[in-house]
N, C-alpha and C. Protein backbone atom coordinates (compact mmCIF):
# COMPACT_ATOMS: atom_id res chain seq x y z
N MET A 1 0.66 -1.28 -0.22
CA MET A 1 0.12 0.16 0.00
C MET A 1 0.94 1.37 -0.16
N TRP A 2 2.11 1.51 0.72
CA TRP A 2 2.63 2.43 0.98
C TRP A 2 3.63 2.56 -0.46
N LEU A 3 3.63 1.69 -1.41
CA LEU A 3 4.47 1.67 -2.33
C LEU A 3 3.44 2.95 -3.38
N LEU A 4 2.04 3.11 -3.20
CA LEU A 4 1.43 3.81 -4.03
C LEU A 4 1.64 5.01 -3.35
N ALA A 5 1.92 5.51 -2.20
CA ALA A 5 2.10 6.80 -1.70
C ALA A 5 2.63 7.77 -2.52
N PRO A 6 3.69 7.66 -3.61
CA PRO A 6 4.47 8.48 -4.13
C PRO A 6 3.18 9.18 -5.26
N LEU A 7 2.47 8.26 -5.75
CA LEU A 7 1.57 8.01 -7.15
C LEU A 7 0.22 8.92 -6.32
N PHE A 8 -0.14 8.95 -5.16
CA PHE A 8 -1.19 10.03 -4.42
C PHE A 8 -0.61 11.06 -4.48
N VAL A 9 0.59 11.24 -3.60
CA VAL A 9 1.10 12.49 -3.72
C VAL A 9 1.26 13.55 -4.77
N LEU A 10 1.74 12.59 -5.90
CA LEU A 10 1.73 13.16 -7.38
C LEU A 10 0.04 13.81 -7.95
N ALA A 11 -0.42 12.71 -7.55
CA ALA A 11 -1.96 13.37 -8.16
C ALA A 11 -2.64 14.44 -6.95
N LEU A 12 -2.46 14.74 -5.74
CA LEU A 12 -2.67 15.68 -4.89
C LEU A 12 -1.51 16.97 -5.66
N VAL A 13 -0.68 16.96 -5.90
CA VAL A 13 0.23 17.83 -6.29
C VAL A 13 -0.37 18.55 -7.77
N GLY A 14 -0.77 17.66 -8.75
CA GLY A 14 -1.13 17.91 -9.52
C GLY A 14 -2.89 18.78 -9.79
N GLY A 15 -3.31 18.18 -8.49
CA GLY A 15 -4.99 18.73 -8.20
C GLY A 15 -4.54 20.68 -7.90
N CYS A 16 -3.47 20.44 -7.31
CA CYS A 16 -3.23 21.86 -6.35
C CYS A 16 -2.62 22.80 -7.73
N PHE A 17 -1.79 22.28 -8.68
CA PHE A 17 -1.86 23.16 -9.47
C PHE A 17 -2.87 23.51 -10.34
N ALA A 18 -4.07 22.68 -10.16
CA ALA A 18 -5.13 22.67 -10.82
C ALA A 18 -5.99 23.74 -10.38
N LEU A 19 -5.97 23.84 -9.05
CA LEU A 19 -6.98 24.95 -8.32
C LEU A 19 -6.25 26.03 -8.31
N VAL A 20 -5.33 26.14 -8.67
CA VAL A 20 -3.84 27.39 -8.57
C VAL A 20 -4.57 28.05 -9.57
N GLY A 21 -4.37 27.19 -10.54
CA GLY A 21 -4.61 28.01 -12.25
C GLY A 21 -5.99 29.15 -12.03
N TYR A 22 -6.91 27.62 -11.57
CA TYR A 22 -8.53 27.88 -11.63
C TYR A 22 -8.51 29.52 -11.02
N GLY A 23 -8.16 29.24 -9.33
CA GLY A 23 -8.39 30.47 -8.45
C GLY A 23 -7.75 31.76 -9.24
N VAL A 24 -6.89 31.55 -9.44
CA VAL A 24 -6.17 32.97 -9.64
C VAL A 24 -6.88 33.72 -10.95
N GLY A 25 -7.58 32.81 -11.63
CA GLY A 25 -7.89 33.20 -12.76
C GLY A 25 -9.39 33.77 -12.46
N ALA A 26 -10.24 33.06 -11.67
CA ALA A 26 -11.40 33.66 -11.53
C ALA A 26 -11.47 34.72 -10.40
N VAL A 27 -10.52 35.02 -9.49
CA VAL A 27 -9.98 35.58 -8.87
C VAL A 27 -10.11 36.89 -9.41
N ALA A 28 -9.19 37.12 -10.60
CA ALA A 28 -9.04 38.41 -10.93
C ALA A 28 -9.81 38.71 -12.10
N ASP A 29 -10.85 37.90 -12.77
CA ASP A 29 -11.51 38.07 -13.42
C ASP A 29 -12.96 38.50 -12.67
N GLY A 30 -13.01 38.17 -11.21
CA GLY A 30 -14.16 38.28 -10.44
C GLY A 30 -13.78 40.07 -9.94
N LEU A 31 -12.17 40.15 -9.67
CA LEU A 31 -12.65 41.54 -8.59
C LEU A 31 -12.42 42.57 -10.06
N SER A 32 -11.89 42.32 -10.94
CA SER A 32 -11.65 43.12 -12.63
C SER A 32 -12.95 43.87 -12.70
N GLY A 33 -14.23 43.09 -12.41
CA GLY A 33 -15.31 43.21 -12.79
C GLY A 33 -15.89 42.97 -14.35
N LEU A 34 -15.02 41.70 -14.88
CA LEU A 34 -15.36 40.93 -15.79
C LEU A 34 -16.40 40.45 -15.91
N ARG A 35 -16.36 39.55 -14.58
CA ARG A 35 -17.95 38.39 -14.02
C ARG A 35 -18.00 39.02 -12.97
N GLU A 36 -18.90 38.19 -12.30
CA GLU A 36 -19.77 38.24 -10.99
C GLU A 36 -19.29 38.30 -9.80
N ARG A 37 -19.46 38.84 -8.91
CA ARG A 37 -18.55 38.53 -7.48
C ARG A 37 -18.42 36.90 -7.23
N SER A 38 -19.40 36.36 -7.50
CA SER A 38 -19.36 34.88 -6.81
C SER A 38 -18.02 34.31 -7.73
N VAL A 39 -17.86 34.68 -8.81
CA VAL A 39 -16.47 33.79 -9.44
C VAL A 39 -15.57 34.07 -8.91
N ALA A 40 -15.19 35.16 -8.14
CA ALA A 40 -14.08 35.68 -7.24
C ALA A 40 -14.08 34.69 -5.92
N LEU A 41 -15.53 34.65 -5.24
CA LEU A 41 -15.48 33.88 -4.19
C LEU A 41 -15.27 32.50 -4.50
N ARG A 42 -15.62 31.87 -5.63
CA ARG A 42 -15.48 30.59 -5.99
C ARG A 42 -13.73 30.36 -6.36
N GLY A 43 -13.33 31.47 -6.99
CA GLY A 43 -12.05 31.41 -6.96
C GLY A 43 -11.21 31.49 -6.03
N LEU A 44 -11.68 32.25 -4.78
CA LEU A 44 -11.52 32.17 -3.13
C LEU A 44 -10.99 30.77 -3.01
N ALA A 45 -11.94 29.89 -2.87
CA ALA A 45 -12.50 28.82 -2.72
C ALA A 45 -11.30 27.73 -3.01
N ALA A 46 -11.32 27.90 -4.35
CA ALA A 46 -9.99 27.16 -5.02
C ALA A 46 -8.60 27.50 -4.64
N LEU A 47 -8.43 28.51 -4.31
CA LEU A 47 -7.04 28.81 -3.34
C LEU A 47 -6.88 28.16 -2.33
N THR A 48 -8.14 28.46 -1.45
CA THR A 48 -7.63 28.09 -0.33
C THR A 48 -8.07 26.53 -0.02
N ALA A 49 -8.49 25.58 -1.21
CA ALA A 49 -8.63 24.25 -0.88
C ALA A 49 -7.27 24.19 -1.75
N ALA A 50 -6.68 24.49 -2.23
CA ALA A 50 -5.39 24.40 -2.93
C ALA A 50 -4.18 24.48 -1.58
N GLY A 51 -4.52 25.53 -0.76
CA GLY A 51 -3.67 25.66 0.43
C GLY A 51 -3.96 24.49 1.22
N ALA A 52 -5.29 24.01 1.45
CA ALA A 52 -5.01 22.66 2.43
C ALA A 52 -4.34 21.35 1.61
N VAL A 53 -4.64 21.34 0.04
CA VAL A 53 -3.77 20.50 -0.20
C VAL A 53 -2.45 20.52 -0.11
N VAL A 54 -1.95 21.58 -0.18
CA VAL A 54 -0.49 21.92 0.10
C VAL A 54 0.31 21.39 1.60
N VAL A 55 -0.81 22.06 2.51
CA VAL A 55 -0.19 21.46 3.86
C VAL A 55 -0.62 20.23 3.99
N TYR A 56 -1.60 19.86 3.82
CA TYR A 56 -2.04 18.21 3.93
C TYR A 56 -0.57 17.77 3.30
N VAL A 57 -0.31 17.77 1.91
CA VAL A 57 0.88 16.89 1.46
C VAL A 57 2.06 17.32 2.34
N TRP A 58 2.54 18.27 2.56
CA TRP A 58 3.75 18.56 3.16
C TRP A 58 3.67 17.73 5.02
N GLY A 59 2.51 17.50 5.64
CA GLY A 59 1.82 16.49 6.76
C GLY A 59 2.44 15.20 6.09
N LEU A 60 1.99 14.80 5.56
CA LEU A 60 1.82 13.36 4.51
C LEU A 60 3.67 13.12 4.12
N LEU A 61 4.08 14.10 3.65
CA LEU A 61 5.57 13.59 3.54
C LEU A 61 6.27 13.08 4.85
N HIS A 62 6.28 13.91 5.89
CA HIS A 62 6.51 13.95 7.34
C HIS A 62 6.24 12.51 7.97
N VAL A 63 4.64 11.81 7.36
CA VAL A 63 4.48 10.40 7.88
C VAL A 63 5.27 9.89 7.45
N PHE A 64 5.35 9.84 5.83
CA PHE A 64 5.76 8.82 4.74
C PHE A 64 7.44 8.65 5.32
N GLY A 65 7.84 9.66 6.04
CA GLY A 65 9.01 9.64 6.14
C GLY A 65 9.48 8.75 7.71
N ALA A 66 8.51 9.16 8.25
CA ALA A 66 8.49 8.20 9.76
C ALA A 66 7.95 6.83 9.32
N VAL A 67 7.19 6.78 7.81
CA VAL A 67 6.80 4.86 8.33
C VAL A 67 8.36 4.41 7.43
N VAL A 68 8.93 5.08 6.71
CA VAL A 68 10.13 4.57 5.78
C VAL A 68 10.93 4.36 6.93
N GLU A 69 11.41 5.46 7.71
CA GLU A 69 12.26 4.77 9.05
C GLU A 69 11.82 3.68 9.63
N ALA A 70 10.39 3.87 10.08
CA ALA A 70 10.25 2.72 11.10
C ALA A 70 10.40 1.32 10.26
N GLU A 71 10.11 1.20 9.07
CA GLU A 71 10.51 -0.24 7.70
C GLU A 71 11.92 -0.55 7.46
N ASP A 72 12.54 0.54 7.82
CA ASP A 72 13.81 0.22 7.69
C ASP A 72 14.39 -1.19 9.05
N GLY A 73 15.03 -1.90 8.22
CA GLY A 73 15.72 -3.00 9.11
C GLY A 73 16.98 -2.50 9.04
N GLY A 74 17.67 -3.37 10.24
CA GLY A 74 19.02 -3.35 10.62
C GLY A 74 19.30 -3.47 11.80
N THR A 75 20.46 -3.21 12.50
CA THR A 75 20.63 -3.70 13.67
C THR A 75 20.00 -2.73 14.63
N ASP A 76 19.65 -1.53 14.18
CA ASP A 76 19.12 -0.53 15.50
C ASP A 76 17.95 -0.66 14.74
N SER A 77 16.82 -1.47 14.51
CA SER A 77 15.53 -1.13 14.31
C SER A 77 14.87 -1.97 15.12
N SER A 78 15.18 -2.19 16.44
CA SER A 78 13.93 -1.90 17.68
C SER A 78 14.67 -2.15 18.84
N PRO A 79 13.38 -1.11 19.74
CA PRO A 79 12.43 -0.89 19.01
C PRO A 79 12.24 0.31 17.69
N VAL A 80 11.20 0.25 17.21
CA VAL A 80 10.89 1.14 15.97
C VAL A 80 11.56 2.37 16.29
N ARG A 81 12.25 3.08 15.26
CA ARG A 81 13.12 4.37 15.22
C ARG A 81 12.26 5.45 15.26
N SER A 82 11.06 5.27 14.46
CA SER A 82 10.17 7.01 14.67
C SER A 82 9.50 6.72 15.86
N CYS A 83 9.36 5.62 16.80
CA CYS A 83 8.87 5.99 18.27
C CYS A 83 9.94 6.03 19.02
N ARG A 84 11.32 6.13 18.93
CA ARG A 84 11.85 6.64 20.11
C ARG A 84 12.16 8.12 20.00
N THR A 85 11.08 8.69 21.04
CA THR A 85 10.80 10.00 21.26
C THR A 85 11.55 10.22 22.48
N ALA A 86 11.44 11.77 23.03
CA ALA A 86 11.77 11.62 24.10
C ALA A 86 11.29 10.71 25.73
N GLY A 87 12.32 10.49 26.46
CA GLY A 87 11.49 10.00 27.66
C GLY A 87 11.28 8.15 27.66
N TRP A 88 11.88 7.92 26.02
CA TRP A 88 11.23 6.54 25.80
C TRP A 88 12.07 5.24 26.59
N GLU A 89 13.18 5.39 26.70
CA GLU A 89 14.10 5.03 27.41
C GLU A 89 13.78 4.68 28.82
N GLU A 90 13.42 5.54 29.80
CA GLU A 90 12.92 5.45 30.81
C GLU A 90 12.03 4.32 31.13
N ARG A 91 10.72 4.44 29.78
CA ARG A 91 9.83 4.03 29.75
C ARG A 91 10.32 2.56 29.53
N ALA A 92 11.20 2.38 28.65
CA ALA A 92 11.70 1.07 28.79
C ALA A 92 12.14 0.27 29.84
N ALA A 93 12.73 1.38 30.65
CA ALA A 93 13.52 0.53 31.96
C ALA A 93 12.50 0.28 32.81
N ALA A 94 11.52 0.87 32.57
CA ALA A 94 10.08 0.46 33.47
C ALA A 94 9.18 -0.56 32.88
N GLY A 95 9.88 -1.43 31.87
CA GLY A 95 9.04 -2.32 31.20
C GLY A 95 8.28 -2.68 30.60
N VAL A 96 8.14 -1.09 29.69
CA VAL A 96 6.82 -0.84 28.85
C VAL A 96 7.73 -0.85 27.49
N GLU A 97 7.31 -1.94 26.13
CA GLU A 97 8.08 -1.68 25.19
C GLU A 97 7.11 -1.42 24.07
N ILE A 98 7.82 -0.90 22.93
CA ILE A 98 7.23 -0.63 21.67
C ILE A 98 6.68 -1.86 21.05
N THR A 99 5.70 -2.06 20.92
CA THR A 99 4.85 -2.97 20.23
C THR A 99 4.62 -2.51 18.56
N GLY A 100 4.05 -1.48 18.19
CA GLY A 100 3.87 -1.63 16.70
C GLY A 100 3.42 0.05 16.49
N TYR A 101 3.16 0.14 15.58
CA TYR A 101 2.72 1.83 15.19
C TYR A 101 1.45 1.85 14.10
N GLU A 102 0.85 2.69 13.74
CA GLU A 102 -0.16 2.95 13.04
C GLU A 102 -0.11 4.43 12.60
N VAL A 103 -0.63 4.52 11.16
CA VAL A 103 -0.65 5.59 10.59
C VAL A 103 -2.32 6.12 10.70
N ARG A 104 -2.01 7.40 10.60
CA ARG A 104 -3.83 7.93 10.80
C ARG A 104 -3.56 8.87 9.95
N VAL A 105 -4.35 8.81 9.13
CA VAL A 105 -4.58 9.87 7.65
C VAL A 105 -5.54 11.39 8.07
N VAL A 106 -6.49 11.11 8.62
CA VAL A 106 -6.98 11.67 9.27
C VAL A 106 -7.35 12.18 10.40
N PRO A 107 -6.92 12.83 11.77
CA PRO A 107 -5.79 13.57 11.17
C PRO A 107 -4.81 13.21 10.99
N LEU A 108 -3.44 13.65 10.45
CA LEU A 108 -2.54 13.43 10.03
C LEU A 108 -1.85 13.02 11.61
N GLY A 109 -1.20 11.78 11.40
CA GLY A 109 0.00 11.20 12.55
C GLY A 109 0.19 9.74 12.65
N PHE A 110 1.57 9.76 13.47
CA PHE A 110 2.14 8.44 13.13
C PHE A 110 1.80 8.54 14.94
N VAL A 111 1.41 7.09 14.95
CA VAL A 111 0.88 6.98 16.49
C VAL A 111 1.78 5.79 16.96
N CYS A 112 2.63 5.47 17.92
CA CYS A 112 2.92 4.87 18.48
C CYS A 112 2.39 3.81 19.52
N GLY A 113 2.24 2.37 19.30
CA GLY A 113 1.65 1.31 20.32
C GLY A 113 3.04 1.21 21.22
N THR A 114 2.28 0.72 22.60
CA THR A 114 3.31 0.11 23.65
C THR A 114 2.58 -1.13 24.57
N SER A 115 3.20 -1.84 25.01
CA SER A 115 2.99 -2.62 25.52
C SER A 115 1.54 -3.10 26.62
N ASP A 116 1.34 -1.84 27.54
CA ASP A 116 0.76 -2.07 28.40
C ASP A 116 -0.74 -1.42 28.03
N GLY A 117 -0.80 -1.21 26.58
CA GLY A 117 -2.00 -0.61 25.70
C GLY A 117 -2.11 0.23 25.57
N GLY A 118 -1.23 1.50 25.79
CA GLY A 118 -1.60 2.75 25.41
C GLY A 118 -0.49 3.14 23.77
N ARG A 119 -1.10 4.49 23.53
CA ARG A 119 -0.61 4.96 22.44
C ARG A 119 -0.07 6.02 22.63
N TYR A 120 0.78 6.90 21.82
CA TYR A 120 0.85 8.22 21.78
C TYR A 120 1.89 8.17 20.19
N ASP A 121 1.60 9.90 20.17
CA ASP A 121 1.79 10.59 18.82
C ASP A 121 3.50 11.02 19.10
N ASN A 122 3.97 10.61 18.16
CA ASN A 122 5.61 10.60 17.69
C ASN A 122 5.86 11.88 17.31
N GLY A 123 5.00 12.84 17.07
CA GLY A 123 4.98 14.08 16.73
C GLY A 123 6.20 14.43 15.74
N ASP A 124 6.02 13.83 14.69
CA ASP A 124 6.66 13.69 13.24
C ASP A 124 6.06 14.59 12.62
N VAL A 125 4.89 14.70 12.33
CA VAL A 125 3.82 15.44 11.86
C VAL A 125 3.94 16.96 12.48
N PRO A 126 4.39 18.08 12.07
CA PRO A 126 4.61 19.08 12.37
C PRO A 126 2.95 19.60 13.32
N GLY A 127 3.09 20.56 14.27
CA GLY A 127 1.51 20.65 15.22
C GLY A 127 0.75 21.27 14.29
N TYR A 128 1.32 22.30 13.54
CA TYR A 128 0.69 23.21 12.66
C TYR A 128 -0.01 22.78 11.28
N VAL A 129 0.06 21.31 11.27
CA VAL A 129 -0.80 20.85 9.96
C VAL A 129 -2.14 20.77 10.05
N ASN A 130 -2.20 19.80 11.13
CA ASN A 130 -3.76 19.61 11.08
C ASN A 130 -4.60 20.86 11.19
N PRO A 131 -4.24 22.09 12.41
CA PRO A 131 -5.43 22.90 12.18
C PRO A 131 -5.11 23.57 11.21
N ALA A 132 -4.15 23.76 10.34
CA ALA A 132 -4.10 24.36 9.29
C ALA A 132 -4.92 24.05 7.86
N VAL A 133 -4.90 22.52 8.00
CA VAL A 133 -5.87 21.91 6.81
C VAL A 133 -7.25 22.19 7.09
N ALA A 134 -7.51 22.31 8.58
CA ALA A 134 -8.88 22.14 9.27
C ALA A 134 -9.08 23.37 8.65
N GLY A 135 -8.37 24.59 8.98
CA GLY A 135 -8.79 26.24 8.67
C GLY A 135 -8.91 26.28 7.19
N PHE A 136 -8.04 26.09 6.21
CA PHE A 136 -7.99 26.11 5.04
C PHE A 136 -9.17 25.30 4.44
N GLY A 137 -9.67 24.44 4.31
CA GLY A 137 -10.81 23.53 4.50
C GLY A 137 -12.25 24.11 4.68
N LEU A 138 -11.98 24.77 5.90
CA LEU A 138 -13.49 25.40 6.24
C LEU A 138 -13.61 26.50 5.54
N THR A 139 -12.43 27.34 5.19
CA THR A 139 -12.62 29.04 4.22
C THR A 139 -13.13 28.30 3.09
N ALA A 140 -12.66 27.26 2.68
CA ALA A 140 -12.78 27.20 0.65
C ALA A 140 -14.24 26.67 1.11
N ALA A 141 -14.82 25.94 1.80
CA ALA A 141 -16.18 25.28 2.10
C ALA A 141 -17.31 26.58 2.18
N ALA A 142 -16.87 27.65 2.85
CA ALA A 142 -17.55 28.81 3.19
C ALA A 142 -17.22 29.93 2.23
N SER A 143 -16.22 29.71 1.31
CA SER A 143 -16.21 30.82 -0.05
C SER A 143 -17.45 30.04 -1.18
N ALA A 144 -16.94 28.85 -1.04
CA ALA A 144 -17.76 28.01 -2.25
C ALA A 144 -19.08 28.25 -1.98
N ILE A 145 -19.86 28.39 -0.33
CA ILE A 145 -20.85 28.16 0.01
C ILE A 145 -21.65 29.57 -0.61
N SER A 146 -20.75 30.59 0.02
CA SER A 146 -21.11 31.76 -0.07
C SER A 146 -21.32 32.36 -2.12
N ALA A 147 -20.56 31.69 -2.80
CA ALA A 147 -20.56 31.79 -4.11
C ALA A 147 -21.58 31.28 -4.80
N GLY A 148 -22.31 29.88 -4.34
CA GLY A 148 -23.39 29.41 -4.35
C GLY A 148 -24.83 30.26 -3.82
N TYR A 149 -24.30 30.81 -2.95
CA TYR A 149 -25.62 31.79 -2.63
C TYR A 149 -25.76 33.27 -3.28
N LEU A 150 -24.44 33.83 -3.81
CA LEU A 150 -24.58 34.58 -4.32
C LEU A 150 -25.44 34.52 -5.77
N SER A 151 -24.70 33.38 -6.16
CA SER A 151 -25.32 33.23 -7.70
C SER A 151 -27.10 32.90 -7.63
N GLU A 152 -27.13 32.15 -6.67
CA GLU A 152 -28.70 31.86 -6.40
C GLU A 152 -29.56 33.13 -6.79
N ARG A 153 -28.78 33.94 -5.71
CA ARG A 153 -29.62 35.70 -5.70
C ARG A 153 -29.95 36.45 -6.89
N ARG A 154 -28.51 36.13 -7.18
CA ARG A 154 -28.60 36.89 -8.61
C ARG A 154 -29.67 35.97 -9.79
N ALA A 155 -29.79 34.88 -9.77
CA ALA A 155 -30.77 34.15 -10.39
C ALA A 155 -31.97 34.47 -10.32
N ARG A 156 -32.30 34.47 -9.09
CA ARG A 156 -33.78 35.01 -8.38
C ARG A 156 -34.16 36.31 -8.89
N THR A 157 -33.29 37.27 -8.49
CA THR A 157 -33.32 38.56 -9.35
C THR A 157 -33.93 39.04 -10.59
N ALA A 158 -33.23 38.46 -11.38
CA ALA A 158 -33.24 38.22 -12.66
C ALA A 158 -34.13 37.58 -13.41
N ALA A 159 -34.98 36.48 -12.83
CA ALA A 159 -36.03 35.65 -12.82
C ALA A 159 -37.44 36.69 -12.39
N GLY A 160 -37.43 37.95 -11.51
CA GLY A 160 -38.50 38.44 -11.15
C GLY A 160 -38.84 38.48 -9.97
N ARG A 161 -38.18 37.69 -9.05
CA ARG A 161 -38.23 36.75 -7.63
C ARG A 161 -37.33 37.55 -6.73
N GLY A 162 -37.74 37.71 -5.89
CA GLY A 162 -37.57 38.31 -4.82
C GLY A 162 -36.17 37.53 -4.13
N PRO A 163 -35.09 37.51 -3.05
CA PRO A 163 -34.68 36.46 -2.58
C PRO A 163 -35.16 35.53 -1.70
N GLY A 164 -36.56 35.63 -1.05
CA GLY A 164 -37.01 34.96 -0.34
C GLY A 164 -38.17 34.33 -1.04
N ASP A 165 -38.68 34.40 -2.04
CA ASP A 165 -39.67 33.89 -2.65
C ASP A 165 -39.48 32.62 -3.78
N ASP A 166 -40.29 31.51 -3.47
CA ASP A 166 -39.74 30.44 -3.83
C ASP A 166 -40.98 30.36 -5.48
N GLY A 167 -41.95 31.01 -5.21
CA GLY A 167 -42.55 30.80 -6.45
C GLY A 167 -44.00 30.36 -6.07
N GLU A 168 -44.20 30.21 -4.94
CA GLU A 168 -45.50 29.44 -4.40
C GLU A 168 -46.43 29.98 -3.65
N ALA A 169 -46.36 31.50 -3.69
CA ALA A 169 -46.97 32.40 -3.03
C ALA A 169 -48.41 32.69 -3.21
N GLY A 170 -49.11 31.82 -4.14
CA GLY A 170 -50.70 31.32 -4.32
C GLY A 170 -51.07 30.78 -4.14
N ARG A 171 -50.79 29.65 -3.53
CA ARG A 171 -51.32 28.32 -3.31
C ARG A 171 -51.57 28.22 -1.72
């Protein structure tokens, strides 16, 4: 499965370039007055979605690095090197061993398991990645919803109906 990871990253980067290309053009057209404001909001949604993709890929590369380090065999491979965080020697002296790891994709993280049933994040993914992805994603969603609202309001006004009129007032 992890052999497909570079292909996944490449697809995300390609999608990011597409979002940036669309977003820059749409924002420029919307702000210059060539098109309506909803187009500028759609462009903003595309740009912030691209920002979320970039930050997510950055965190994903950190996770891939931790997996590669964990899977690297050799004389110094037990316990898993990616799980050797500050204080692991004290825990090992107390009889708690590192038994394995798991990769979390949402939110991004490399989680190590211990023999006492505990789990801990090794901290390879920078702390700003998950909040930044959530912030960019929510901003993209809010911009896309706002663009849809503006388009709908403009269409209703052009059709001669008010913003709250659904055409069924006579029933």
